[in-house]
Amino acid sequence: MSNNQQILRSEVVLEKYGKALAGKTVLITGVSDDSIAGELALQLSAANPKLLILSARAEAKVAGIQDKIKSAKPNVETRFLNMDLSDLAAVRDAVEDLKDVSHIDHLVCVAGVMFPPYSKTKDGFESQLGVNYLANFLLVKLLLPKIRAAGSDSSVVIMASSMARQGKMHFDDFNFSDGRTYDPMVAYGQSNAARVMFVKRLGEKLKAEKIRVFSVDPGAVQTGLQRHCPPNFLDQVDDWKKAGAMVDMDGKPFEIPPWTTSSEGAATLITGMVDPTIADYNGSYLNQNAVSDHELHTHINDEGNWAELWELSESLTKERFSL
């Protein structure tokens, strides 16, 4: 479906489909002034949702976004949710804090970490796998009853990255030998491959309930996500582009995405939430506002790997996720 790919501003997607968001409750993770999640919250507020639950590690991170929403759309309620994705106990506490929320129409998992020095989460997982993937596995599991309560056309949308195309799950050594074999780019690729495979299986399981499930490549957007990148990272990306296409895990070439705005980065998340034209492609990977499963490599498309990842995730989170 590559012919359907196009970079769009969030405003364009909302003009087409934004009416579906009126009166809805949306939970967004990773909100801050310099994040795609923050831009997403601002964009969604224009569609008159009932409640935007804005999650971050500290209230100060979301305060600026809340102020902007209150100024532009005073009738849209916002709520801060404290959640540290590097601590599974904190994820459970955050879900408990939502016990007064009867349903969640859209769960959008945007928070993540990219290329940090080697470290482990509180639960002992390599930080990128723990924050980018395992915390989302647990969060979706715990919030699924509220998403089901919202009924059909509710959604789970999980941020991924074009780096999934160079990523795989290292099932035998997902912690990179306690850092001895750690490469931040390889670990980032692993966490994003895990996100995409999780969405593949979850989408398959929830298809009959008409709960939308998509993973999203937002494109290349300069945000706080790049805070761990080396000082010359942007120059390095330019060098990669000049060198030509990169190759995925199957040796298939692909182009490095162009730099885009935060509005354009948030647009494909909104597409995943509400675009009715992709409803029959549950579990798919989206890029540039279109179903882009043709971009995925063999390891990600292997249903045996989906099952192995699911079982490993249940074991690591100590949470049975039966559907």
Protein backbone atom coordinates (compact mmCIF):
# COMPACT_ATOMS: atom_id res chain seq x y z
CA MET A 1 0.00 0.00 0.00
CA SER A 2 3.02 2.27 -0.42
CA ASN A 3 1.22 4.37 -3.05
CA ASN A 4 -1.06 5.66 -0.30
CA GLN A 5 1.79 7.00 1.83
CA GLN A 6 1.90 10.75 2.25
CA ILE A 7 3.27 13.12 4.86
CA LEU A 8 0.37 15.12 6.25
CA ARG A 9 -0.11 17.68 8.97
CA SER A 10 -2.26 16.61 11.91
CA GLU A 11 -4.69 19.39 11.02
CA VAL A 12 -5.40 17.71 7.67
CA VAL A 13 -6.16 14.33 9.26
CA LEU A 14 -8.36 15.96 11.90
CA GLU A 15 -10.27 17.89 9.25
CA LYS A 16 -11.18 14.56 7.65
CA TYR A 17 -11.84 12.40 10.70
CA GLY A 18 -11.66 14.58 13.81
CA LYS A 19 -15.41 14.50 14.48
CA ALA A 20 -14.97 10.91 15.70
CA LEU A 21 -12.93 12.24 18.65
CA ALA A 22 -15.60 14.55 20.05
CA GLY A 23 -16.56 13.59 23.60
CA LYS A 24 -13.90 10.85 23.84
CA THR A 25 -11.44 10.03 26.61
CA VAL A 26 -7.83 9.73 25.45
CA LEU A 27 -4.73 8.70 27.41
CA ILE A 28 -1.38 9.79 25.96
CA THR A 29 2.00 8.78 27.41
CA GLY A 30 5.23 10.75 27.16
CA VAL A 31 3.72 14.24 27.16
CA SER A 32 6.06 17.23 27.36
CA ASP A 33 6.57 20.53 25.57
CA ASP A 34 9.21 19.07 23.25
CA SER A 35 7.54 15.79 22.37
CA ILE A 36 5.29 14.38 19.66
CA ALA A 37 2.97 13.36 22.50
CA GLY A 38 2.65 16.98 23.58
CA GLU A 39 1.89 18.05 20.02
CA LEU A 40 -0.65 15.22 19.75
CA ALA A 41 -2.45 16.44 22.88
CA LEU A 42 -2.65 19.98 21.50
CA GLN A 43 -3.94 18.74 18.16
CA LEU A 44 -6.55 16.43 19.69
CA SER A 45 -7.86 19.20 21.94
CA ALA A 46 -9.12 20.98 18.81
CA ALA A 47 -11.45 18.02 18.17
CA ASN A 48 -13.34 18.56 21.45
CA PRO A 49 -12.58 15.36 23.36
CA LYS A 50 -14.14 15.01 26.79
CA LEU A 51 -10.91 14.23 28.65
CA LEU A 52 -7.22 14.15 27.78
CA ILE A 53 -5.20 12.15 30.31
CA LEU A 54 -1.61 13.32 29.96
CA SER A 55 1.01 10.98 31.34
CA ALA A 56 4.63 11.78 32.21
CA ARG A 57 7.21 11.21 34.94
CA ALA A 58 6.59 14.64 36.47
CA GLU A 59 3.69 17.08 36.43
CA ALA A 60 6.00 19.91 35.37
CA LYS A 61 6.46 18.15 32.01
CA VAL A 62 2.78 18.46 31.09
CA ALA A 63 2.00 21.83 32.69
CA GLY A 64 2.86 23.86 29.60
CA ILE A 65 0.69 21.68 27.37
CA GLN A 66 -2.18 21.89 29.84
CA ASP A 67 -1.94 25.68 29.90
CA LYS A 68 -2.04 25.88 26.11
CA ILE A 69 -5.09 23.60 25.95
CA LYS A 70 -6.87 25.54 28.68
CA SER A 71 -6.24 28.79 26.83
CA ALA A 72 -7.38 27.55 23.43
CA LYS A 73 -10.06 25.01 24.43
CA PRO A 74 -11.23 25.77 28.00
CA ASN A 75 -14.04 23.20 27.77
CA VAL A 76 -11.62 20.31 27.21
CA GLU A 77 -10.69 18.67 30.50
CA THR A 78 -7.09 17.60 31.05
CA ARG A 79 -5.66 15.41 33.79
CA PHE A 80 -2.08 14.64 34.70
CA LEU A 81 -1.18 11.00 35.26
CA ASN A 82 2.14 10.32 37.00
CA MET A 83 3.79 7.27 35.46
CA ASP A 84 7.42 6.18 35.31
CA LEU A 85 7.73 3.55 32.58
CA SER A 86 11.09 2.39 33.94
CA ASP A 87 9.32 0.91 36.99
CA LEU A 88 6.54 -1.65 36.49
CA ALA A 89 5.25 -0.99 40.01
CA ALA A 90 4.79 2.65 39.00
CA VAL A 91 2.83 1.54 35.93
CA ARG A 92 0.53 -0.51 38.17
CA ASP A 93 0.15 2.45 40.55
CA ALA A 94 -0.76 4.74 37.64
CA VAL A 95 -3.47 2.36 36.46
CA GLU A 96 -4.82 2.24 40.01
CA ASP A 97 -4.99 6.05 39.95
CA LEU A 98 -7.44 5.73 37.05
CA LYS A 99 -9.97 3.61 38.92
CA ASP A 100 -12.50 6.46 38.70
CA VAL A 101 -12.24 6.52 34.89
CA SER A 102 -14.90 4.17 33.52
CA HIS A 103 -13.53 3.82 30.02
CA ILE A 104 -10.70 4.90 27.74
CA ASP A 105 -11.58 5.38 24.08
CA HIS A 106 -8.01 5.74 22.86
CA LEU A 107 -4.71 4.69 24.46
CA VAL A 108 -1.75 6.25 22.66
CA CYS A 109 1.65 5.05 23.89
CA VAL A 110 4.21 7.59 22.70
CA ALA A 111 6.77 7.72 25.52
CA GLY A 112 10.16 6.24 24.85
CA VAL A 113 13.92 6.49 25.20
CA MET A 114 16.51 6.42 22.40
CA PHE A 115 20.22 5.52 22.41
CA PRO A 116 20.93 5.98 26.15
CA PRO A 117 24.08 4.66 27.81
CA TYR A 118 23.56 1.15 29.11
CA SER A 119 21.36 0.93 32.16
CA LYS A 120 18.62 -1.25 33.54
CA THR A 121 15.12 -0.43 34.65
CA LYS A 122 14.11 -0.93 38.27
CA ASP A 123 12.93 -4.42 37.29
CA GLY A 124 16.28 -5.37 35.73
CA PHE A 125 15.60 -4.95 31.99
CA GLU A 126 17.80 -3.11 29.50
CA SER A 127 16.28 0.37 29.58
CA GLN A 128 15.12 0.68 25.98
CA LEU A 129 13.38 -2.69 26.00
CA GLY A 130 11.92 -1.99 29.43
CA VAL A 131 10.62 1.53 28.77
CA ASN A 132 9.77 1.31 25.08
CA TYR A 133 8.19 -2.12 25.10
CA LEU A 134 7.66 -4.03 28.36
CA ALA A 135 6.00 -1.11 30.16
CA ASN A 136 3.59 -0.79 27.23
CA PHE A 137 2.84 -4.52 27.28
CA LEU A 138 1.87 -4.21 30.94
CA LEU A 139 -0.01 -0.92 30.51
CA VAL A 140 -2.14 -2.26 27.66
CA LYS A 141 -2.89 -5.42 29.61
CA LEU A 142 -4.03 -3.52 32.70
CA LEU A 143 -6.05 -0.91 30.79
CA LEU A 144 -7.70 -3.29 28.33
CA PRO A 145 -10.90 -3.61 30.44
CA LYS A 146 -11.36 0.18 30.20
CA ILE A 147 -10.64 0.12 26.45
CA ARG A 148 -13.16 -2.69 25.98
CA ALA A 149 -15.69 -0.66 28.00
CA ALA A 150 -15.39 2.08 25.37
CA GLY A 151 -16.71 -0.35 22.76
CA SER A 152 -15.91 -0.83 19.10
CA ASP A 153 -13.65 1.69 17.35
CA SER A 154 -11.68 2.28 20.54
CA SER A 155 -7.97 2.04 19.89
CA VAL A 156 -4.51 1.11 21.11
CA VAL A 157 -1.84 2.98 19.15
CA ILE A 158 1.81 2.38 19.96
CA MET A 159 4.69 4.48 18.72
CA ALA A 160 7.44 2.61 16.92
CA SER A 161 10.18 3.82 14.58
CA SER A 162 11.72 3.17 11.19
CA MET A 163 14.51 1.56 13.26
CA ALA A 164 12.19 -1.45 13.60
CA ARG A 165 13.33 -2.27 10.08
CA GLN A 166 16.84 -2.90 11.42
CA GLY A 167 15.68 -4.50 14.66
CA LYS A 168 15.02 -7.98 15.98
CA MET A 169 14.34 -9.59 19.34
CA HIS A 170 17.46 -11.12 20.84
CA PHE A 171 15.50 -13.76 22.71
CA ASP A 172 18.62 -15.45 24.10
CA ASP A 173 20.24 -12.20 25.29
CA PHE A 174 17.76 -9.33 25.38
CA ASN A 175 19.81 -7.65 28.14
CA PHE A 176 22.99 -7.70 26.01
CA SER A 177 25.04 -9.67 28.53
CA ASP A 178 24.45 -7.04 31.21
CA GLY A 179 25.85 -4.38 28.93
CA ARG A 180 28.98 -6.16 27.73
CA THR A 181 27.61 -6.50 24.19
CA TYR A 182 25.42 -3.39 24.29
CA ASP A 183 25.03 -1.23 21.22
CA PRO A 184 22.46 1.54 21.75
CA MET A 185 21.25 1.45 18.14
CA VAL A 186 20.83 -2.34 18.19
CA ALA A 187 18.95 -2.13 21.48
CA TYR A 188 16.71 0.64 20.13
CA GLY A 189 15.99 -1.50 17.09
CA GLN A 190 15.14 -4.44 19.33
CA SER A 191 12.68 -2.40 21.41
CA ASN A 192 10.91 -1.15 18.31
CA ALA A 193 10.76 -4.56 16.67
CA ALA A 194 9.17 -5.78 19.91
CA ARG A 195 6.59 -3.00 19.80
CA VAL A 196 5.61 -3.87 16.23
CA MET A 197 5.40 -7.63 16.90
CA PHE A 198 3.31 -7.06 20.03
CA VAL A 199 0.88 -4.94 18.03
CA LYS A 200 0.72 -7.60 15.32
CA ARG A 201 -0.44 -10.26 17.75
CA LEU A 202 -2.64 -7.95 19.83
CA GLY A 203 -4.38 -6.65 16.71
CA GLU A 204 -5.07 -10.19 15.58
CA LYS A 205 -6.56 -11.08 18.96
CA LEU A 206 -8.77 -7.97 19.20
CA LYS A 207 -9.91 -7.83 15.58
CA ALA A 208 -13.24 -9.54 16.30
CA GLU A 209 -14.00 -6.92 18.98
CA LYS A 210 -13.31 -4.12 16.48
CA ILE A 211 -10.74 -2.54 18.78
CA ARG A 212 -8.23 -0.79 16.56
CA VAL A 213 -4.56 -1.68 17.17
CA PHE A 214 -1.70 -0.11 15.21
CA SER A 215 2.02 0.58 15.53
CA VAL A 216 3.24 3.85 14.07
CA ASP A 217 6.43 5.16 12.51
CA PRO A 218 6.06 8.93 13.04
CA GLY A 219 8.92 9.79 10.71
CA ALA A 220 11.97 11.81 11.70
CA VAL A 221 11.04 14.60 14.10
CA GLN A 222 13.53 16.52 16.24
CA THR A 223 12.27 16.22 19.82
CA GLY A 224 13.57 15.53 23.31
CA LEU A 225 13.84 11.87 22.27
CA GLN A 226 17.25 12.64 20.77
CA ARG A 227 18.71 13.91 24.07
CA HIS A 228 21.06 10.91 24.33
CA CYS A 229 22.28 11.16 20.74
CA PRO A 230 25.88 12.29 20.19
CA PRO A 231 26.44 16.00 19.39
CA ASN A 232 27.15 15.21 15.72
CA PHE A 233 24.07 12.99 15.29
CA LEU A 234 22.30 15.26 12.78
CA ASP A 235 25.46 15.45 10.68
CA GLN A 236 25.73 11.67 10.86
CA VAL A 237 22.16 11.32 9.58
CA ASP A 238 22.98 13.63 6.68
CA ASP A 239 26.00 11.47 5.86
CA TRP A 240 23.80 8.36 5.87
CA LYS A 241 21.39 10.05 3.48
CA LYS A 242 24.21 11.03 1.13
CA ALA A 243 25.48 7.45 1.17
CA GLY A 244 22.12 6.23 -0.15
CA ALA A 245 19.55 3.75 1.10
CA MET A 246 20.05 1.65 4.23
CA VAL A 247 19.13 -2.03 4.36
CA ASP A 248 16.77 -3.91 6.67
CA MET A 249 17.29 -7.27 8.38
CA ASP A 250 16.47 -9.03 5.10
CA GLY A 251 18.94 -6.92 3.13
CA LYS A 252 16.11 -4.93 1.52
CA PRO A 253 16.99 -1.25 0.94
CA PHE A 254 14.99 1.60 2.45
CA GLU A 255 15.33 5.36 2.50
CA ILE A 256 16.05 7.33 5.68
CA PRO A 257 12.92 9.41 6.33
CA PRO A 258 13.12 13.19 5.86
CA TRP A 259 12.95 15.53 8.83
CA THR A 260 9.36 16.60 9.44
CA THR A 261 7.44 18.79 11.88
CA SER A 262 5.89 17.63 15.13
CA SER A 263 2.44 18.12 13.60
CA GLU A 264 3.41 15.79 10.76
CA GLY A 265 4.87 13.33 13.27
CA ALA A 266 1.63 13.25 15.27
CA ALA A 267 -0.55 12.85 12.19
CA THR A 268 0.02 9.12 11.70
CA LEU A 269 -0.87 8.52 15.35
CA ILE A 270 -4.23 10.21 14.69
CA THR A 271 -4.62 8.14 11.53
CA GLY A 272 -4.21 5.01 13.65
CA MET A 273 -6.79 6.24 16.14
CA VAL A 274 -9.61 7.18 13.80
CA ASP A 275 -9.03 6.80 10.05
CA PRO A 276 -11.90 4.48 8.96
CA THR A 277 -10.20 3.46 5.72
CA ILE A 278 -7.62 1.31 7.53
CA ALA A 279 -9.99 -0.42 9.95
CA ASP A 280 -9.67 -3.76 8.14
CA TYR A 281 -5.90 -3.85 8.63
CA ASN A 282 -5.82 -4.34 12.39
CA GLY A 283 -2.37 -4.94 13.85
CA SER A 284 -0.64 -3.18 10.99
CA TYR A 285 2.42 -0.96 10.96
CA LEU A 286 1.65 2.56 9.73
CA ASN A 287 4.04 4.96 8.04
CA GLN A 288 3.15 8.30 6.48
CA ASN A 289 -0.54 7.83 7.24
CA ALA A 290 -0.87 4.50 5.45
CA VAL A 291 -0.67 0.78 6.13
CA SER A 292 2.97 -0.09 5.47
CA ASP A 293 3.36 -3.76 6.37
CA HIS A 294 5.29 -4.23 3.14
CA GLU A 295 8.18 -2.47 4.91
CA LEU A 296 8.50 -5.12 7.63
CA HIS A 297 11.14 -7.83 7.48
CA THR A 298 10.93 -11.59 7.99
CA HIS A 299 11.76 -11.66 11.71
CA ILE A 300 8.96 -9.22 12.55
CA ASN A 301 6.46 -11.03 10.31
CA ASP A 302 7.19 -14.44 11.89
CA GLU A 303 4.13 -15.42 13.94
CA GLY A 304 6.28 -17.81 15.94
CA ASN A 305 8.29 -14.80 17.11
CA TRP A 306 5.07 -13.02 18.08
CA ALA A 307 4.13 -15.95 20.31
CA GLU A 308 7.61 -16.26 21.82
CA LEU A 309 7.71 -12.53 22.56
CA TRP A 310 4.27 -12.66 24.21
CA GLU A 311 5.31 -15.54 26.46
CA LEU A 312 8.60 -13.83 27.36
CA SER A 313 6.73 -10.60 28.15
CA GLU A 314 4.32 -12.41 30.45
CA SER A 315 7.26 -13.97 32.24
CA LEU A 316 9.23 -10.72 32.61
CA THR A 317 6.26 -8.61 33.73
CA LYS A 318 4.87 -11.44 35.90
CA GLU A 319 1.49 -10.72 34.35
CA ARG A 320 -0.56 -13.27 32.45
CA PHE A 321 -2.16 -11.58 29.42
CA SER A 322 -4.81 -13.98 28.18
CA LEU A 323 -7.15 -13.02 25.32
